[in-house]
Amino acid sequence: SYPSDSEMTWNISVPDGFKIKLYFMHFDLESSYLCEYDYVKIETEDQELATFCGRETTDTEQAPGQQVILSPGPYMGLTFRSDFSNEERFTGFDAHYTAVDVDECLEKNDEELACDHYCHNYIGGYYCSCRFGYILHSDNRTCKVECSDNLYTQRSGVITSADFPSPYPKSSDCLYRIELEEGFFITLNFEDSFDVEDHPEVTCPYDHIKIKAGQKEFGPFCGEKSPGCIETQTNSVQIRFHSDNSGENRGWKLSYTAIGNPCPLVEPPINGKIEPSQAKYTFKDQVVISCNTGYKVLKDNVESDSFQIECLKDGTWSNKIPICKIADCKAPPELEHGFVTFSTRNNLTTYQAAIQYHCQHPYYHMAPNSTATYTCDALGQWRSEELGTKLPSCRP
């Protein structure tokens, strides 16, 4: 039998990552209402797990019987208390305990403790790992992305938070840079589907987007209201996105475009054309000036088939519009023992002008026998349908 008027406490502790399982092989204590005389009390640091008394054969509601007590953590305290009398010679109790490994991967209901992606349990503990493309944060549970080297150099594109439209990674600081040639102005257009963690009273304390465009700054932006359209008026934009270690928000998506300084409209030269023909020309746009058949582009006394100019960043064209000069075959070559007559007025020698060779009759005749008619072609050469560019001859 156990002594009267006594109190004893056993403190049981096991390593972190384990719980304590306690059960009774024998239990025989004085029975009382609410166990106010003799009892066994089991508790943790901050809560009472159970209080038992009575005999296991007769007091089944107060005695532990086959019940197993499991601590929530690595500590358990067991206290035995007896009052001043033990008249029936109660024999006491026989309790056993063991350490049980905790499967943290199954029991981590607290978001602050749970693994972000993958949880791996081992005896006495657990560890977290991340999906491909992510890295484990220094808190050893959240997964973040390396997203600080995103550079966009095209004149248009699409940028999204990582994994959009799935929830974006936690504990990440992302930088997206748009760098275009000076002379372009970037416009950002956020989609309506915008979802970034916010706070009802404080402006964006958790997750947020901040935009720096030249000397201007926009934001911070968070919540469910899209920033909409932002005209940055610059060629260089930095978009920073910060997320903390909690939340399941879907993120954001934007498209960007760039336009340059406009250049004045250009008119084609007489007998020429401009391609492409547009209602508006801006920085980096190019046009090609060419001439109608029989004409050549003339720029700085140099003839060519075409001439290209470009709209510059200051809103001016790289060069003036050249003129179109008609092809000139010049004076036809002389024919020995022959002469030439002009079929067009004013003895023209330009494109589509016509001439005819003759021999001094009756002493010479044309060989080979032909009309000897030549026309000035688009390349500036006298050409005959019968002889091409070769001349006939006058034979006696």
Protein backbone atom coordinates (compact mmCIF):
# COMPACT_ATOMS: atom_id res chain seq x y z
CA SER A 1 0.00 0.00 0.00
CA TYR A 2 1.08 3.54 -0.54
CA PRO A 3 1.71 6.04 2.28
CA SER A 4 -0.92 8.51 3.48
CA ASP A 5 -0.77 12.26 3.13
CA SER A 6 1.97 12.32 0.52
CA GLU A 7 2.63 13.96 -2.84
CA MET A 8 5.17 12.96 -5.47
CA THR A 9 5.87 14.30 -8.97
CA TRP A 10 7.75 12.63 -11.83
CA ASN A 11 8.93 14.88 -14.67
CA ILE A 12 9.45 13.05 -17.95
CA SER A 13 11.20 14.62 -20.96
CA VAL A 14 12.36 13.26 -24.31
CA PRO A 15 14.31 14.89 -27.18
CA ASP A 16 12.61 17.31 -29.55
CA GLY A 17 10.82 15.53 -32.34
CA PHE A 18 9.33 12.95 -29.96
CA LYS A 19 6.18 12.65 -27.86
CA ILE A 20 5.59 10.68 -24.66
CA LYS A 21 3.18 7.74 -24.52
CA LEU A 22 2.11 6.73 -21.01
CA TYR A 23 -0.12 3.83 -19.92
CA PHE A 24 -0.97 1.96 -16.70
CA MET A 25 -0.38 -1.75 -16.03
CA HIS A 26 -2.01 -1.56 -12.57
CA PHE A 27 -4.21 1.07 -10.91
CA ASP A 28 -5.70 0.85 -7.39
CA LEU A 29 -6.42 4.15 -5.61
CA GLU A 30 -9.07 5.37 -3.19
CA SER A 31 -12.20 6.41 -5.05
CA SER A 32 -13.81 9.83 -4.46
CA TYR A 33 -16.06 12.37 -6.13
CA LEU A 34 -14.03 14.31 -8.71
CA CYS A 35 -10.95 12.47 -7.36
CA GLU A 36 -10.61 14.90 -4.46
CA TYR A 37 -8.93 12.43 -2.05
CA ASP A 38 -6.26 10.33 -3.74
CA TYR A 39 -5.42 10.84 -7.41
CA VAL A 40 -2.90 10.71 -10.23
CA LYS A 41 -2.71 13.87 -12.34
CA ILE A 42 -0.98 13.98 -15.74
CA GLU A 43 -0.14 17.34 -17.29
CA THR A 44 2.16 19.18 -19.67
CA GLU A 45 3.75 22.58 -19.19
CA ASP A 46 0.53 24.43 -19.95
CA GLN A 47 -2.37 21.97 -19.77
CA GLU A 48 -3.84 19.13 -17.75
CA LEU A 49 -4.16 15.92 -19.75
CA ALA A 50 -6.01 13.67 -17.28
CA THR A 51 -6.79 12.98 -13.59
CA PHE A 52 -7.45 9.41 -12.38
CA CYS A 53 -8.54 7.71 -9.15
CA GLY A 54 -10.43 4.61 -7.93
CA ARG A 55 -10.01 0.92 -8.70
CA GLU A 56 -9.73 -0.35 -12.28
CA THR A 57 -12.12 -3.22 -11.43
CA THR A 58 -14.98 -1.11 -10.07
CA ASP A 59 -14.42 2.59 -10.92
CA THR A 60 -14.14 2.36 -14.68
CA GLU A 61 -15.16 6.00 -15.24
CA GLN A 62 -12.36 7.38 -13.03
CA ALA A 63 -9.62 4.78 -13.49
CA PRO A 64 -7.47 4.82 -16.66
CA GLY A 65 -8.03 1.21 -17.66
CA GLN A 66 -6.51 0.61 -21.12
CA GLN A 67 -6.36 4.33 -21.93
CA VAL A 68 -3.11 5.63 -23.43
CA ILE A 69 -2.04 9.17 -22.66
CA LEU A 70 -0.05 10.95 -25.40
CA SER A 71 1.70 14.23 -24.74
CA PRO A 72 1.52 16.97 -27.38
CA GLY A 73 5.23 17.68 -26.99
CA PRO A 74 8.45 16.27 -25.49
CA TYR A 75 7.46 16.88 -21.81
CA MET A 76 5.02 15.24 -19.39
CA GLY A 77 4.55 15.56 -15.62
CA LEU A 78 2.87 12.89 -13.43
CA THR A 79 1.79 13.83 -9.88
CA PHE A 80 0.52 11.37 -7.22
CA ARG A 81 -1.39 12.75 -4.21
CA SER A 82 -2.84 10.85 -1.24
CA ASP A 83 -4.86 12.21 1.65
CA PHE A 84 -4.44 11.43 5.37
CA SER A 85 -6.10 7.98 5.33
CA ASN A 86 -5.60 4.69 3.48
CA GLU A 87 -7.91 2.41 5.45
CA GLU A 88 -8.54 -0.18 2.76
CA ARG A 89 -4.88 -0.62 1.99
CA PHE A 90 -5.01 0.51 -1.67
CA THR A 91 -1.94 -0.73 -3.55
CA GLY A 92 -1.27 2.28 -5.84
CA PHE A 93 -0.38 2.21 -9.53
CA ASP A 94 2.20 0.94 -12.02
CA ALA A 95 2.73 3.29 -15.01
CA HIS A 96 5.04 2.89 -18.04
CA TYR A 97 6.12 5.42 -20.63
CA THR A 98 8.00 5.44 -23.92
CA ALA A 99 9.19 8.03 -26.44
CA VAL A 100 7.30 8.04 -29.73
CA ASP A 101 8.62 9.65 -32.90
CA VAL A 102 6.50 12.53 -34.17
CA ASP A 103 5.64 12.57 -37.87
CA GLU A 104 5.84 16.35 -38.23
CA CYS A 105 4.84 16.11 -41.90
CA LEU A 106 1.40 14.84 -40.88
CA GLU A 107 0.93 17.01 -37.83
CA LYS A 108 2.12 20.45 -39.02
CA ASN A 109 -1.20 22.22 -39.22
CA ASP A 110 0.32 25.56 -38.30
CA GLU A 111 1.24 27.48 -41.46
CA GLU A 112 4.15 29.08 -39.61
CA LEU A 113 5.75 25.65 -39.12
CA ALA A 114 4.67 23.67 -42.17
CA CYS A 115 6.88 22.99 -45.18
CA ASP A 116 6.07 25.07 -48.23
CA HIS A 117 6.50 22.28 -50.81
CA TYR A 118 7.84 18.88 -49.65
CA CYS A 119 8.15 17.52 -46.08
CA HIS A 120 10.45 14.60 -45.16
CA ASN A 121 10.11 12.92 -41.76
CA TYR A 122 12.89 11.07 -39.92
CA ILE A 123 13.24 9.71 -36.39
CA GLY A 124 13.48 12.72 -34.12
CA GLY A 125 12.74 15.40 -36.67
CA TYR A 126 11.92 16.45 -40.25
CA TYR A 127 13.26 18.62 -43.06
CA CYS A 128 11.77 20.53 -46.00
CA SER A 129 12.71 20.63 -49.68
CA CYS A 130 11.48 22.54 -52.72
CA ARG A 131 10.27 21.87 -56.24
CA PHE A 132 12.70 22.24 -59.14
CA GLY A 133 13.46 25.88 -59.85
CA TYR A 134 13.00 26.95 -56.21
CA ILE A 135 15.49 27.32 -53.38
CA LEU A 136 14.95 26.79 -49.66
CA HIS A 137 14.74 29.99 -47.64
CA SER A 138 16.93 30.51 -44.57
CA ASP A 139 13.92 29.66 -42.38
CA ASN A 140 14.33 26.08 -43.73
CA ARG A 141 10.65 25.73 -44.57
CA THR A 142 9.53 28.22 -47.21
CA CYS A 143 10.53 27.97 -50.86
CA LYS A 144 11.54 31.03 -52.83
CA VAL A 145 12.62 31.69 -56.40
CA GLU A 146 15.74 33.37 -57.70
CA CYS A 147 14.18 36.14 -59.72
CA SER A 148 16.50 39.13 -59.56
CA ASP A 149 18.04 38.94 -63.04
CA ASN A 150 15.04 39.28 -65.37
CA LEU A 151 15.98 41.60 -68.27
CA TYR A 152 13.63 42.51 -71.12
CA THR A 153 15.02 44.31 -74.20
CA GLN A 154 12.24 43.75 -76.75
CA ARG A 155 9.86 46.58 -77.60
CA SER A 156 6.89 44.59 -76.27
CA GLY A 157 6.41 41.65 -73.94
CA VAL A 158 4.56 39.99 -71.05
CA ILE A 159 5.74 39.79 -67.42
CA THR A 160 4.07 37.76 -64.63
CA SER A 161 4.70 36.82 -61.04
CA ALA A 162 6.27 33.37 -60.71
CA ASP A 163 3.79 30.48 -61.26
CA PHE A 164 0.94 32.83 -62.27
CA PRO A 165 -2.01 32.18 -62.06
CA SER A 166 -1.06 29.74 -59.29
CA PRO A 167 0.00 31.27 -55.96
CA TYR A 168 3.35 33.03 -56.13
CA PRO A 169 6.34 31.87 -54.03
CA LYS A 170 6.82 33.14 -50.51
CA SER A 171 9.84 34.96 -49.08
CA SER A 172 10.98 36.22 -52.48
CA ASP A 173 12.29 39.51 -53.82
CA CYS A 174 11.97 39.69 -57.59
CA LEU A 175 13.37 42.34 -59.93
CA TYR A 176 12.16 42.71 -63.52
CA ARG A 177 14.03 45.24 -65.70
CA ILE A 178 12.89 46.63 -69.04
CA GLU A 179 15.79 48.36 -70.80
CA LEU A 180 15.19 49.89 -74.23
CA GLU A 181 17.16 52.27 -76.38
CA GLU A 182 16.90 55.92 -75.47
CA GLY A 183 14.06 57.49 -77.41
CA PHE A 184 11.43 54.86 -76.51
CA PHE A 185 8.65 55.39 -73.94
CA ILE A 186 7.40 52.30 -72.07
CA THR A 187 3.75 51.76 -71.16
CA LEU A 188 2.75 49.08 -68.61
CA ASN A 189 -0.71 47.52 -68.67
CA PHE A 190 -1.70 45.31 -65.69
CA GLU A 191 -4.47 42.77 -66.24
CA ASP A 192 -7.61 42.96 -64.10
CA SER A 193 -6.76 39.58 -62.50
CA PHE A 194 -4.59 41.11 -59.77
CA ASP A 195 -4.23 39.38 -56.39
CA VAL A 196 -1.46 40.42 -53.98
CA GLU A 197 -1.68 40.01 -50.18
CA ASP A 198 -2.68 43.23 -48.41
CA HIS A 199 -3.89 44.57 -45.07
CA PRO A 200 -7.22 46.32 -44.33
CA GLU A 201 -5.63 49.14 -42.35
CA VAL A 202 -1.96 49.44 -43.34
CA THR A 203 -0.79 50.09 -46.90
CA CYS A 204 0.82 46.95 -48.36
CA PRO A 205 2.83 45.80 -45.30
CA TYR A 206 3.21 42.20 -46.50
CA ASP A 207 3.53 41.74 -50.28
CA HIS A 208 3.77 44.55 -52.81
CA ILE A 209 4.87 45.79 -56.23
CA LYS A 210 6.98 48.92 -56.60
CA ILE A 211 7.87 50.47 -59.95
CA LYS A 212 10.73 52.85 -60.67
CA ALA A 213 10.70 54.62 -64.03
CA GLY A 214 13.55 57.10 -64.40
CA GLN A 215 13.07 59.63 -61.62
CA LYS A 216 9.44 58.59 -61.03
CA GLU A 217 8.17 55.95 -58.62
CA PHE A 218 4.81 54.17 -58.69
CA GLY A 219 3.29 52.10 -55.89
CA PRO A 220 3.36 50.21 -53.68
CA PHE A 221 0.52 48.15 -55.19
CA CYS A 222 -1.28 45.25 -53.48
CA GLY A 223 -4.79 43.89 -52.91
CA GLU A 224 -7.22 42.97 -55.67
CA LYS A 225 -7.41 46.29 -57.54
CA SER A 226 -5.23 46.29 -60.64
CA PRO A 227 -2.85 49.25 -61.12
CA GLY A 228 -4.20 49.39 -64.70
CA CYS A 229 -2.27 51.36 -67.32
CA ILE A 230 0.93 53.19 -66.35
CA GLU A 231 2.64 55.47 -68.89
CA THR A 232 6.21 55.73 -67.64
CA GLN A 233 7.51 58.32 -70.15
CA THR A 234 10.93 56.65 -70.02
CA ASN A 235 12.95 53.89 -71.71
CA SER A 236 14.10 52.20 -68.49
CA VAL A 237 11.75 50.59 -65.94
CA GLN A 238 12.39 48.51 -62.81
CA ILE A 239 9.58 46.41 -61.33
CA ARG A 240 10.21 45.05 -57.83
CA PHE A 241 7.94 42.43 -56.27
CA HIS A 242 8.30 41.45 -52.61
CA SER A 243 6.51 38.57 -50.85
CA ASP A 244 6.69 37.60 -47.18
CA ASN A 245 6.61 34.08 -45.70
CA SER A 246 2.84 33.58 -45.74
CA GLY A 247 -0.21 33.78 -47.97
CA GLU A 248 -1.68 31.97 -50.97
CA ASN A 249 -2.38 34.83 -53.41
CA ARG A 250 -2.38 34.30 -57.17
CA GLY A 251 -0.20 37.22 -58.22
CA TRP A 252 -0.28 39.43 -61.30
CA LYS A 253 0.32 39.72 -65.03
CA LEU A 254 1.21 42.72 -67.19
CA SER A 255 2.02 43.44 -70.80
CA TYR A 256 4.27 46.26 -71.88
CA THR A 257 4.67 48.17 -75.12
CA ALA A 258 7.01 50.92 -76.24
CA ILE A 259 6.59 53.79 -78.67
CA GLY A 260 9.17 56.32 -79.72
CA ASN A 261 9.24 60.01 -80.52
CA PRO A 262 7.13 60.72 -83.63
CA CYS A 263 8.72 61.97 -86.83
CA PRO A 264 6.99 64.23 -89.42
CA LEU A 265 5.06 62.57 -92.21
CA VAL A 266 7.12 62.14 -95.37
CA GLU A 267 5.88 62.71 -98.91
CA PRO A 268 7.20 60.59 -101.79
CA PRO A 269 9.26 62.38 -104.46
CA ILE A 270 7.75 63.10 -107.87
CA ASN A 271 7.78 59.86 -109.91
CA GLY A 272 8.62 57.93 -106.72
CA LYS A 273 7.10 56.08 -103.78
CA ILE A 274 7.70 55.44 -100.08
CA GLU A 275 7.36 52.06 -98.33
CA PRO A 276 5.84 51.40 -95.92
CA SER A 277 3.22 54.08 -96.15
CA GLN A 278 1.93 54.83 -92.64
CA ALA A 279 -0.25 57.41 -90.97
CA LYS A 280 2.40 57.83 -88.24
CA TYR A 281 6.12 57.24 -87.94
CA THR A 282 8.01 56.95 -84.65
CA PHE A 283 11.56 56.36 -83.44
CA LYS A 284 13.33 53.48 -85.22
CA ASP A 285 10.77 53.33 -88.03
CA GLN A 286 12.43 53.10 -91.43
CA VAL A 287 11.15 53.99 -94.90
CA VAL A 288 12.57 53.09 -98.30
CA ILE A 289 12.32 55.60 -101.17
CA SER A 290 12.29 54.12 -104.65
CA CYS A 291 11.37 55.48 -108.07
CA ASN A 292 8.97 54.51 -110.81
CA THR A 293 10.23 52.48 -113.76
CA GLY A 294 12.62 54.56 -115.85
CA TYR A 295 13.73 56.71 -112.93
CA LYS A 296 16.67 56.49 -110.51
CA VAL A 297 17.05 57.78 -106.95
CA LEU A 298 19.48 60.71 -106.96
CA LYS A 299 21.12 61.68 -103.68
CA ASP A 300 24.27 63.80 -103.48
CA ASN A 301 24.84 63.28 -107.22
CA VAL A 302 24.86 59.51 -106.72
CA GLU A 303 22.25 57.41 -108.53
CA SER A 304 20.82 54.27 -106.91
CA ASP A 305 17.77 52.01 -107.07
CA SER A 306 16.54 52.94 -103.56
CA PHE A 307 17.40 55.04 -100.50
CA GLN A 308 16.55 54.34 -96.84
CA ILE A 309 15.99 56.85 -94.05
CA GLU A 310 15.23 56.30 -90.35
CA CYS A 311 13.27 58.15 -87.70
CA LEU A 312 15.73 59.25 -85.01
CA LYS A 313 15.21 59.47 -81.24
CA ASP A 314 14.93 63.28 -81.39
CA GLY A 315 11.95 63.07 -83.78
CA THR A 316 13.82 63.96 -86.98
CA TRP A 317 14.60 61.90 -90.09
CA SER A 318 18.16 60.72 -90.70
CA ASN A 319 18.21 62.34 -94.15
CA LYS A 320 16.21 64.41 -96.59
CA ILE A 321 14.00 62.84 -99.23
CA PRO A 322 16.00 62.36 -102.46
CA ILE A 323 14.63 63.11 -105.93
CA CYS A 324 13.80 60.73 -108.73
CA LYS A 325 15.82 61.39 -111.90
CA ILE A 326 14.69 60.02 -115.25
CA ALA A 327 17.03 57.54 -116.92
CA ASP A 328 19.11 59.22 -119.67
CA CYS A 329 20.67 57.22 -122.51
CA LYS A 330 22.56 60.34 -123.60
CA ALA A 331 23.54 61.02 -127.25
CA PRO A 332 23.38 57.84 -129.34
CA PRO A 333 26.68 56.52 -130.68
CA GLU A 334 27.56 57.49 -134.25
CA LEU A 335 27.24 55.00 -137.10
CA GLU A 336 30.00 54.97 -139.74
CA HIS A 337 28.60 55.88 -143.15
CA GLY A 338 25.28 56.46 -141.50
CA PHE A 339 23.28 58.92 -139.43
CA VAL A 340 20.56 58.96 -136.77
CA THR A 341 17.15 60.60 -136.56
CA PHE A 342 15.09 61.28 -133.42
CA SER A 343 11.48 60.09 -133.22
CA THR A 344 10.64 62.13 -130.11
CA ARG A 345 10.37 65.88 -129.87
CA ASN A 346 13.29 68.08 -128.89
CA ASN A 347 15.70 65.25 -129.67
CA LEU A 348 15.11 63.75 -126.20
CA THR A 349 17.48 61.00 -125.04
CA THR A 350 15.65 60.04 -121.82
CA TYR A 351 13.56 57.00 -120.87
CA GLN A 352 11.27 55.77 -123.71
CA ALA A 353 12.77 58.22 -126.25
CA ALA A 354 13.22 56.60 -129.72
CA ILE A 355 15.83 56.93 -132.48
CA GLN A 356 16.45 55.32 -135.88
CA TYR A 357 19.71 54.71 -137.71
CA HIS A 358 20.04 55.20 -141.50
CA CYS A 359 22.78 54.47 -144.03
CA GLN A 360 23.95 56.92 -146.71
CA HIS A 361 21.77 55.88 -149.63
CA PRO A 362 22.30 54.67 -152.33
CA TYR A 363 25.98 53.95 -151.67
CA TYR A 364 25.49 51.96 -148.44
CA HIS A 365 22.88 49.57 -147.11
CA MET A 366 21.99 48.39 -143.59
CA ALA A 367 23.40 45.10 -142.37
CA PRO A 368 21.81 43.12 -141.02
CA ASN A 369 18.60 44.20 -142.65
CA SER A 370 16.48 45.73 -139.88
CA THR A 371 14.45 48.79 -138.97
CA ALA A 372 17.43 49.93 -136.82
CA THR A 373 14.98 51.50 -134.35
CA TYR A 374 16.27 51.91 -130.76
CA THR A 375 14.46 52.97 -127.56
CA CYS A 376 15.97 54.31 -124.35
CA ASP A 377 15.27 51.64 -121.68
CA ALA A 378 14.89 51.93 -117.89
CA LEU A 379 18.59 51.17 -117.38
CA GLY A 380 19.66 54.12 -119.52
CA GLN A 381 20.70 52.10 -122.58
CA TRP A 382 19.65 52.33 -126.20
CA ARG A 383 18.02 49.02 -127.06
CA SER A 384 16.62 47.48 -130.26
CA GLU A 385 14.08 44.66 -130.30
CA GLU A 386 16.07 43.00 -133.07
CA LEU A 387 19.70 43.70 -132.13
CA GLY A 388 19.56 44.51 -128.43
CA THR A 389 22.31 47.01 -127.58
CA LYS A 390 24.46 46.15 -130.62
CA LEU A 391 24.60 48.62 -133.52
CA PRO A 392 23.98 47.75 -137.17
CA SER A 393 26.59 48.56 -139.81
CA CYS A 394 26.47 50.34 -143.17
CA ARG A 395 28.01 48.31 -145.96
CA PRO A 396 28.70 49.39 -149.56
